[in-house]
PDB file of N, CA and C in Angstrom:
ATOM      1  N   MET A   1     -51.489  14.360 -42.003  1.00  0.00           N
ATOM      2  CA  MET A   1     -51.124  13.212 -41.200  1.00  0.00           C
ATOM      3  C   MET A   1     -52.166  12.102 -41.340  1.00  0.00           C
ATOM      4  N   LYS A   2     -53.437  12.480 -41.354  1.00  0.00           N
ATOM      5  CA  LYS A   2     -54.501  11.489 -41.482  1.00  0.00           C
ATOM      6  C   LYS A   2     -54.407  10.763 -42.822  1.00  0.00           C
ATOM      7  N   HIS A   3     -54.021  11.503 -43.861  1.00  0.00           N
ATOM      8  CA  HIS A   3     -53.923  10.902 -45.187  1.00  0.00           C
ATOM      9  C   HIS A   3     -52.797   9.867 -45.225  1.00  0.00           C
ATOM     10  N   ILE A   4     -51.711  10.161 -44.581  1.00  0.00           N
ATOM     11  CA  ILE A   4     -50.583   9.232 -44.549  1.00  0.00           C
ATOM     12  C   ILE A   4     -50.964   7.965 -43.797  1.00  0.00           C
ATOM     13  N   LEU A   5     -51.616   8.114 -42.660  1.00  0.00           N
ATOM     14  CA  LEU A   5     -52.046   6.951 -41.893  1.00  0.00           C
ATOM     15  C   LEU A   5     -53.047   6.107 -42.677  1.00  0.00           C
ATOM     16  N   LEU A   6     -53.950   6.763 -43.371  1.00  0.00           N
ATOM     17  CA  LEU A   6     -54.919   6.055 -44.187  1.00  0.00           C
ATOM     18  C   LEU A   6     -54.220   5.286 -45.313  1.00  0.00           C
ATOM     19  N   LEU A   7     -53.267   5.895 -45.947  1.00  0.00           N
ATOM     20  CA  LEU A   7     -52.512   5.248 -47.012  1.00  0.00           C
ATOM     21  C   LEU A   7     -51.765   4.022 -46.487  1.00  0.00           C
ATOM     22  N   VAL A   8     -51.110   4.164 -45.365  1.00  0.00           N
ATOM     23  CA  VAL A   8     -50.391   3.035 -44.760  1.00  0.00           C
ATOM     24  C   VAL A   8     -51.367   1.918 -44.417  1.00  0.00           C
ATOM     25  N   PHE A   9     -52.496   2.256 -43.877  1.00  0.00           N
ATOM     26  CA  PHE A   9     -53.509   1.266 -43.521  1.00  0.00           C
ATOM     27  C   PHE A   9     -54.005   0.528 -44.762  1.00  0.00           C
ATOM     28  N   ILE A  10     -54.317   1.250 -45.810  1.00  0.00           N
ATOM     29  CA  ILE A  10     -54.819   0.633 -47.046  1.00  0.00           C
ATOM     30  C   ILE A  10     -53.750  -0.267 -47.671  1.00  0.00           C
ATOM     31  N   LEU A  11     -52.523   0.185 -47.697  1.00  0.00           N
ATOM     32  CA  LEU A  11     -51.446  -0.636 -48.266  1.00  0.00           C
ATOM     33  C   LEU A  11     -51.220  -1.907 -47.464  1.00  0.00           C
ATOM     34  N   SER A  12     -51.293  -1.813 -46.150  1.00  0.00           N
ATOM     35  CA  SER A  12     -51.088  -3.004 -45.330  1.00  0.00           C
ATOM     36  C   SER A  12     -52.225  -3.996 -45.502  1.00  0.00           C
ATOM     37  N   ILE A  13     -53.442  -3.511 -45.640  1.00  0.00           N
ATOM     38  CA  ILE A  13     -54.584  -4.400 -45.869  1.00  0.00           C
ATOM     39  C   ILE A  13     -54.481  -5.051 -47.251  1.00  0.00           C
ATOM     40  N   SER A  14     -54.109  -4.285 -48.258  1.00  0.00           N
ATOM     41  CA  SER A  14     -54.020  -4.851 -49.602  1.00  0.00           C
ATOM     42  C   SER A  14     -52.917  -5.900 -49.676  1.00  0.00           C
ATOM     43  N   THR A  15     -51.832  -5.709 -48.970  1.00  0.00           N
ATOM     44  CA  THR A  15     -50.765  -6.697 -48.936  1.00  0.00           C
ATOM     45  C   THR A  15     -51.264  -7.979 -48.303  1.00  0.00           C
ATOM     46  N   TYR A  16     -51.997  -7.857 -47.231  1.00  0.00           N
ATOM     47  CA  TYR A  16     -52.543  -9.035 -46.560  1.00  0.00           C
ATOM     48  C   TYR A  16     -53.597  -9.719 -47.431  1.00  0.00           C
ATOM     49  N   THR A  17     -54.443  -8.941 -48.062  1.00  0.00           N
ATOM     50  CA  THR A  17     -55.536  -9.479 -48.864  1.00  0.00           C
ATOM     51  C   THR A  17     -55.028 -10.221 -50.087  1.00  0.00           C
ATOM     52  N   PHE A  18     -53.998  -9.695 -50.726  1.00  0.00           N
ATOM     53  CA  PHE A  18     -53.511 -10.287 -51.967  1.00  0.00           C
ATOM     54  C   PHE A  18     -52.298 -11.180 -51.764  1.00  0.00           C
ATOM     55  N   ALA A  19     -52.014 -11.561 -50.544  1.00  0.00           N
ATOM     56  CA  ALA A  19     -50.892 -12.460 -50.288  1.00  0.00           C
ATOM     57  C   ALA A  19     -51.138 -13.795 -50.988  1.00  0.00           C
ATOM     58  N   GLN A  20     -50.081 -14.321 -51.564  1.00  0.00           N
ATOM     59  CA  GLN A  20     -50.200 -15.552 -52.337  1.00  0.00           C
ATOM     60  C   GLN A  20     -50.360 -16.754 -51.415  1.00  0.00           C
ATOM     61  N   LYS A  21     -51.452 -17.486 -51.583  1.00  0.00           N
ATOM     62  CA  LYS A  21     -51.698 -18.684 -50.797  1.00  0.00           C
ATOM     63  C   LYS A  21     -51.734 -19.916 -51.681  1.00  0.00           C
ATOM     64  N   THR A  22     -52.074 -19.739 -52.948  1.00  0.00           N
ATOM     65  CA  THR A  22     -52.088 -20.839 -53.902  1.00  0.00           C
ATOM     66  C   THR A  22     -51.362 -20.392 -55.166  1.00  0.00           C
ATOM     67  N   ILE A  23     -51.006 -21.351 -55.974  1.00  0.00           N
ATOM     68  CA  ILE A  23     -50.322 -21.051 -57.227  1.00  0.00           C
ATOM     69  C   ILE A  23     -51.114 -21.700 -58.351  1.00  0.00           C
ATOM     70  N   GLN A  24     -51.474 -20.909 -59.345  1.00  0.00           N
ATOM     71  CA  GLN A  24     -52.169 -21.474 -60.495  1.00  0.00           C
ATOM     72  C   GLN A  24     -51.246 -22.444 -61.214  1.00  0.00           C
ATOM     73  N   GLY A  25     -51.776 -23.572 -61.612  1.00  0.00           N
ATOM     74  CA  GLY A  25     -50.991 -24.554 -62.331  1.00  0.00           C
ATOM     75  C   GLY A  25     -50.353 -25.596 -61.431  1.00  0.00           C
ATOM     76  N   PHE A  26     -50.416 -25.398 -60.131  1.00  0.00           N
ATOM     77  CA  PHE A  26     -49.888 -26.353 -59.171  1.00  0.00           C
ATOM     78  C   PHE A  26     -51.040 -26.861 -58.311  1.00  0.00           C
ATOM     79  N   ALA A  27     -51.015 -28.142 -57.990  1.00  0.00           N
ATOM     80  CA  ALA A  27     -52.078 -28.720 -57.182  1.00  0.00           C
ATOM     81  C   ALA A  27     -51.500 -29.340 -55.918  1.00  0.00           C
ATOM     82  N   GLY A  28     -52.220 -29.179 -54.821  1.00  0.00           N
ATOM     83  CA  GLY A  28     -51.904 -29.863 -53.563  1.00  0.00           C
ATOM     84  C   GLY A  28     -50.466 -29.791 -53.123  1.00  0.00           C
ATOM     85  N   GLU A  29     -49.844 -30.952 -53.039  1.00  0.00           N
ATOM     86  CA  GLU A  29     -48.466 -31.055 -52.540  1.00  0.00           C
ATOM     87  C   GLU A  29     -47.470 -30.346 -53.452  1.00  0.00           C
ATOM     88  N   SER A  30     -47.747 -30.317 -54.748  1.00  0.00           N
ATOM     89  CA  SER A  30     -46.849 -29.621 -55.674  1.00  0.00           C
ATOM     90  C   SER A  30     -46.795 -28.135 -55.358  1.00  0.00           C
ATOM     91  N   ALA A  31     -47.932 -27.554 -55.028  1.00  0.00           N
ATOM     92  CA  ALA A  31     -47.981 -26.135 -54.676  1.00  0.00           C
ATOM     93  C   ALA A  31     -47.217 -25.876 -53.390  1.00  0.00           C
ATOM     94  N   LYS A  32     -47.376 -26.756 -52.416  1.00  0.00           N
ATOM     95  CA  LYS A  32     -46.645 -26.599 -51.152  1.00  0.00           C
ATOM     96  C   LYS A  32     -45.142 -26.703 -51.387  1.00  0.00           C
ATOM     97  N   ALA A  33     -44.737 -27.640 -52.227  1.00  0.00           N
ATOM     98  CA  ALA A  33     -43.312 -27.804 -52.532  1.00  0.00           C
ATOM     99  C   ALA A  33     -42.763 -26.582 -53.257  1.00  0.00           C
ATOM    100  N   GLU A  34     -43.530 -26.030 -54.190  1.00  0.00           N
ATOM    101  CA  GLU A  34     -43.098 -24.851 -54.929  1.00  0.00           C
ATOM    102  C   GLU A  34     -42.982 -23.640 -54.009  1.00  0.00           C
ATOM    103  N   LEU A  35     -43.958 -23.455 -53.132  1.00  0.00           N
ATOM    104  CA  LEU A  35     -43.892 -22.341 -52.189  1.00  0.00           C
ATOM    105  C   LEU A  35     -42.703 -22.482 -51.247  1.00  0.00           C
ATOM    106  N   ALA A  36     -42.400 -23.701 -50.828  1.00  0.00           N
ATOM    107  CA  ALA A  36     -41.232 -23.945 -49.970  1.00  0.00           C
ATOM    108  C   ALA A  36     -39.947 -23.621 -50.725  1.00  0.00           C
ATOM    109  N   LEU A  37     -39.890 -23.997 -52.001  1.00  0.00           N
ATOM    110  CA  LEU A  37     -38.713 -23.692 -52.818  1.00  0.00           C
ATOM    111  C   LEU A  37     -38.544 -22.187 -52.987  1.00  0.00           C
ATOM    112  N   GLU A  38     -39.649 -21.484 -53.211  1.00  0.00           N
ATOM    113  CA  GLU A  38     -39.593 -20.029 -53.347  1.00  0.00           C
ATOM    114  C   GLU A  38     -39.162 -19.367 -52.038  1.00  0.00           C
ATOM    115  N   ASP A  39     -39.641 -19.870 -50.921  1.00  0.00           N
ATOM    116  CA  ASP A  39     -39.218 -19.333 -49.622  1.00  0.00           C
ATOM    117  C   ASP A  39     -37.717 -19.543 -49.416  1.00  0.00           C
ATOM    118  N   LYS A  40     -37.225 -20.710 -49.804  1.00  0.00           N
ATOM    119  CA  LYS A  40     -35.791 -20.988 -49.673  1.00  0.00           C
ATOM    120  C   LYS A  40     -34.989 -20.024 -50.543  1.00  0.00           C
ATOM    121  N   PHE A  41     -35.430 -19.819 -51.781  1.00  0.00           N
ATOM    122  CA  PHE A  41     -34.757 -18.883 -52.674  1.00  0.00           C
ATOM    123  C   PHE A  41     -34.764 -17.477 -52.081  1.00  0.00           C
ATOM    124  N   ASP A  42     -35.931 -17.044 -51.591  1.00  0.00           N
ATOM    125  CA  ASP A  42     -36.050 -15.709 -51.006  1.00  0.00           C
ATOM    126  C   ASP A  42     -35.126 -15.524 -49.810  1.00  0.00           C
ATOM    127  N   SER A  43     -34.882 -16.602 -49.069  1.00  0.00           N
ATOM    128  CA  SER A  43     -34.014 -16.496 -47.892  1.00  0.00           C
ATOM    129  C   SER A  43     -32.566 -16.215 -48.274  1.00  0.00           C
ATOM    130  N   TYR A  44     -32.184 -16.546 -49.507  1.00  0.00           N
ATOM    131  CA  TYR A  44     -30.820 -16.289 -49.968  1.00  0.00           C
ATOM    132  C   TYR A  44     -30.611 -14.845 -50.411  1.00  0.00           C
ATOM    133  N   LEU A  45     -31.697 -14.129 -50.670  1.00  0.00           N
ATOM    134  CA  LEU A  45     -31.580 -12.755 -51.142  1.00  0.00           C
ATOM    135  C   LEU A  45     -31.243 -11.823 -49.985  1.00  0.00           C
ATOM    136  N   LYS A  46     -30.168 -11.123 -50.137  1.00  0.00           N
ATOM    137  CA  LYS A  46     -29.724 -10.150 -49.137  1.00  0.00           C
ATOM    138  C   LYS A  46     -29.360  -8.858 -49.875  1.00  0.00           C
ATOM    139  N   ALA A  47     -29.697  -7.747 -49.304  1.00  0.00           N
ATOM    140  CA  ALA A  47     -29.401  -6.451 -49.937  1.00  0.00           C
ATOM    141  C   ALA A  47     -27.907  -6.301 -50.201  1.00  0.00           C
ATOM    142  N   SER A  48     -27.085  -6.823 -49.322  1.00  0.00           N
ATOM    143  CA  SER A  48     -25.633  -6.683 -49.490  1.00  0.00           C
ATOM    144  C   SER A  48     -25.106  -7.517 -50.653  1.00  0.00           C
ATOM    145  N   ASN A  49     -25.885  -8.522 -51.109  1.00  0.00           N
ATOM    146  CA  ASN A  49     -25.443  -9.351 -52.223  1.00  0.00           C
ATOM    147  C   ASN A  49     -25.870  -8.805 -53.578  1.00  0.00           C
ATOM    148  N   LEU A  50     -26.732  -7.805 -53.576  1.00  0.00           N
ATOM    149  CA  LEU A  50     -27.237  -7.264 -54.833  1.00  0.00           C
ATOM    150  C   LEU A  50     -26.330  -6.151 -55.328  1.00  0.00           C
ATOM    151  N   VAL A  51     -26.058  -6.202 -56.611  1.00  0.00           N
ATOM    152  CA  VAL A  51     -25.197  -5.191 -57.226  1.00  0.00           C
ATOM    153  C   VAL A  51     -26.087  -4.254 -58.018  1.00  0.00           C
ATOM    154  N   SER A  52     -25.970  -2.982 -57.783  1.00  0.00           N
ATOM    155  CA  SER A  52     -26.752  -2.024 -58.565  1.00  0.00           C
ATOM    156  C   SER A  52     -25.862  -1.333 -59.581  1.00  0.00           C
ATOM    157  N   GLY A  53     -26.477  -1.000 -60.700  1.00  0.00           N
ATOM    158  CA  GLY A  53     -25.790  -0.225 -61.703  1.00  0.00           C
ATOM    159  C   GLY A  53     -25.131  -1.053 -62.672  1.00  0.00           C
TER     160      GLY A  53
END
């Protein structure tokens, strides 16, 4: 049980630590616009819309 909790803790910290805050190749407002566009795209993704196989 301790190992599972430790694993969950490490994974949650690594996700937070490596979260994307900037984009290489984009500067200032361009990066903000790109991140907003990516967020909009991500909002359209729904598990029910994905076809497997």
